[in-house]
Protein backbone atom coordinates (compact mmCIF):
# COMPACT_ATOMS: atom_id res chain seq x y z
CA MET A 1 89.97 78.83 100.72
CA ARG A 2 90.90 78.94 97.61
CA PHE A 3 91.95 82.82 96.08
CA PHE A 4 93.03 83.82 92.15
CA LEU A 5 94.11 86.59 92.22
CA ASP A 6 93.44 89.36 88.59
CA GLU A 7 96.27 91.05 86.97
CA SER A 8 96.54 94.04 88.95
CA VAL A 9 96.30 92.87 91.98
CA PRO A 10 100.11 93.00 93.56
CA ASP A 11 102.21 89.49 94.60
CA SER A 12 101.78 91.31 98.57
CA VAL A 13 98.11 89.82 98.44
CA GLY A 14 98.67 86.81 97.06
CA GLU A 15 101.26 86.36 100.15
CA VAL A 16 99.48 87.43 102.66
CA LEU A 17 96.69 84.92 101.68
CA ASP A 18 99.69 82.04 100.95
CA ALA A 19 100.65 82.60 104.68
CA ALA A 20 97.30 82.59 106.39
CA GLY A 21 97.35 78.76 105.09
CA HIS A 22 94.92 79.86 101.17
CA THR A 23 95.59 78.91 98.48
CA VAL A 24 96.46 81.37 95.31
CA ILE A 25 96.33 81.24 91.81
CA TYR A 26 98.03 84.11 90.18
CA HIS A 27 97.10 85.60 86.78
CA ARG A 28 100.76 85.20 85.36
CA GLU A 29 99.81 80.99 85.87
CA ALA A 30 97.00 80.54 84.83
CA LEU A 31 96.13 83.15 81.59
CA ASP A 32 98.44 85.08 79.58
CA GLN A 33 99.78 89.46 80.07
CA GLY A 34 96.50 90.97 78.76
CA ALA A 35 93.40 88.37 78.88
CA LYS A 36 89.77 90.32 78.41
CA ASP A 37 88.10 89.99 82.06
CA PRO A 38 85.59 88.20 81.11
CA VAL A 39 88.24 84.91 80.46
CA VAL A 40 89.32 85.80 84.40
CA CYS A 41 86.41 85.47 85.99
CA GLN A 42 85.70 82.33 84.26
CA THR A 43 88.74 81.20 84.76
CA ALA A 44 88.40 82.11 88.58
CA MET A 45 85.07 80.32 88.62
CA GLN A 46 86.43 77.31 86.96
CA ASN A 47 88.50 77.11 89.51
CA ASP A 48 86.46 77.68 92.65
CA ALA A 49 88.30 80.53 93.45
CA ILE A 50 87.79 83.70 95.06
CA LEU A 51 88.66 86.01 92.22
CA VAL A 52 90.34 88.58 94.35
CA ALA A 53 90.34 92.59 91.68
CA VAL A 54 91.35 95.81 92.21
CA ASP A 55 90.04 97.65 89.85
CA GLY A 56 86.43 98.32 89.07
CA ASP A 57 85.81 96.45 86.13
CA MET A 58 85.42 93.59 87.52
CA LYS A 59 83.10 94.92 89.77
CA GLN A 60 80.61 96.21 86.72
CA LEU A 61 80.90 92.73 85.09
CA SER A 62 79.36 90.65 88.41
CA LYS A 63 77.39 93.84 90.42
CA ARG A 64 75.50 92.60 93.17
CA PHE A 65 72.31 94.32 92.52
CA GLY A 66 71.04 94.91 88.98
CA LYS A 67 71.59 93.97 85.22
CA THR A 68 74.51 91.27 85.95
CA ASP A 69 75.94 88.87 83.16
CA ASP A 70 74.34 85.81 83.69
CA ARG A 71 77.71 84.48 83.18
CA PHE A 72 79.04 85.58 86.38
CA VAL A 73 76.20 85.83 89.18
CA ASN A 74 77.75 83.18 91.50
CA LEU A 75 81.11 84.57 90.68
CA ASN A 76 83.29 85.46 94.16
CA LEU A 77 84.73 88.36 94.94
CA LEU A 78 87.19 90.13 97.07
CA MET A 79 87.44 93.66 95.78
CA CYS A 80 90.03 96.07 96.53
CA GLY A 81 88.88 99.08 96.09
CA CYS A 82 91.23 100.03 98.53
CA GLY A 83 94.01 99.90 95.68
CA PRO A 84 97.58 97.69 94.77
CA VAL A 85 99.28 99.65 97.27
CA HIS A 86 97.05 99.40 100.99
CA ALA A 87 95.37 96.20 99.51
CA ALA A 88 98.06 93.70 101.40
CA THR A 89 97.23 95.32 104.29
CA ARG A 90 93.47 96.38 104.25
CA VAL A 91 93.18 91.74 103.24
CA SER A 92 95.69 90.94 106.24
CA GLN A 93 93.14 93.15 108.55
CA ALA A 94 90.20 91.83 106.93
CA LEU A 95 91.28 88.17 106.80
CA THR A 96 88.81 87.01 109.30
CA LEU A 97 85.49 88.05 108.60
CA ILE A 98 86.34 86.67 104.46
CA GLN A 99 87.11 84.05 106.49
CA HIS A 100 82.80 84.24 108.34
CA GLU A 101 81.88 85.60 105.15
CA TRP A 102 83.10 82.07 102.94
CA ASP A 103 82.11 80.13 106.24
CA PHE A 104 78.15 81.19 106.71
CA SER A 105 78.22 81.52 102.04
CA GLU A 106 78.17 78.16 102.75
CA GLN A 107 74.29 78.15 104.39
CA LYS A 108 73.41 79.69 101.70
CA VAL A 109 71.59 77.89 98.04
CA GLY A 110 74.05 79.98 94.79
CA ARG A 111 76.84 80.44 97.40
CA ARG A 112 78.47 83.99 96.74
CA LEU A 113 81.31 86.19 98.71
CA TRP A 114 81.31 89.79 97.65
CA ILE A 115 83.17 91.27 99.75
CA ASP A 116 84.25 94.55 99.16
CA ILE A 117 87.79 96.86 100.68
CA GLU A 118 88.28 100.02 101.04
CA LYS A 119 90.73 102.54 102.96
CA HIS A 120 88.72 103.28 105.56
CA TRP A 121 85.59 100.70 105.10
CA LEU A 122 84.85 97.31 104.24
CA VAL A 123 81.60 95.67 103.21
CA SER A 124 80.45 92.77 103.30
CA TYR A 125 76.91 91.73 100.38
CA ARG A 126 75.33 88.88 101.89
């Protein structure tokens, strides 16, 4: 899997994903600091990567239900609502689920992965 880490995601999350054998693209490697959220989403999609975010702005751009910006209906999102302090630990704990959901989404038309990881729970929207 390929992951694109938003600017506010700690490097420790990328290190967890890299150690598990996944490709990680850091925001600073692809975009200028302070790039607007729509540009970040487009960059993740152009790189066929799952966007990893810790702030709710990305979640609003790619709402699973309700009105979604048409540009981002196919955005794959790993939302770390647990915050940057717990993000690496929670992503590490959820790696098996993330891989399973990615493999499952291959079977669907219009493949889309959306997982929300919170401090005490996580959910996958299919």
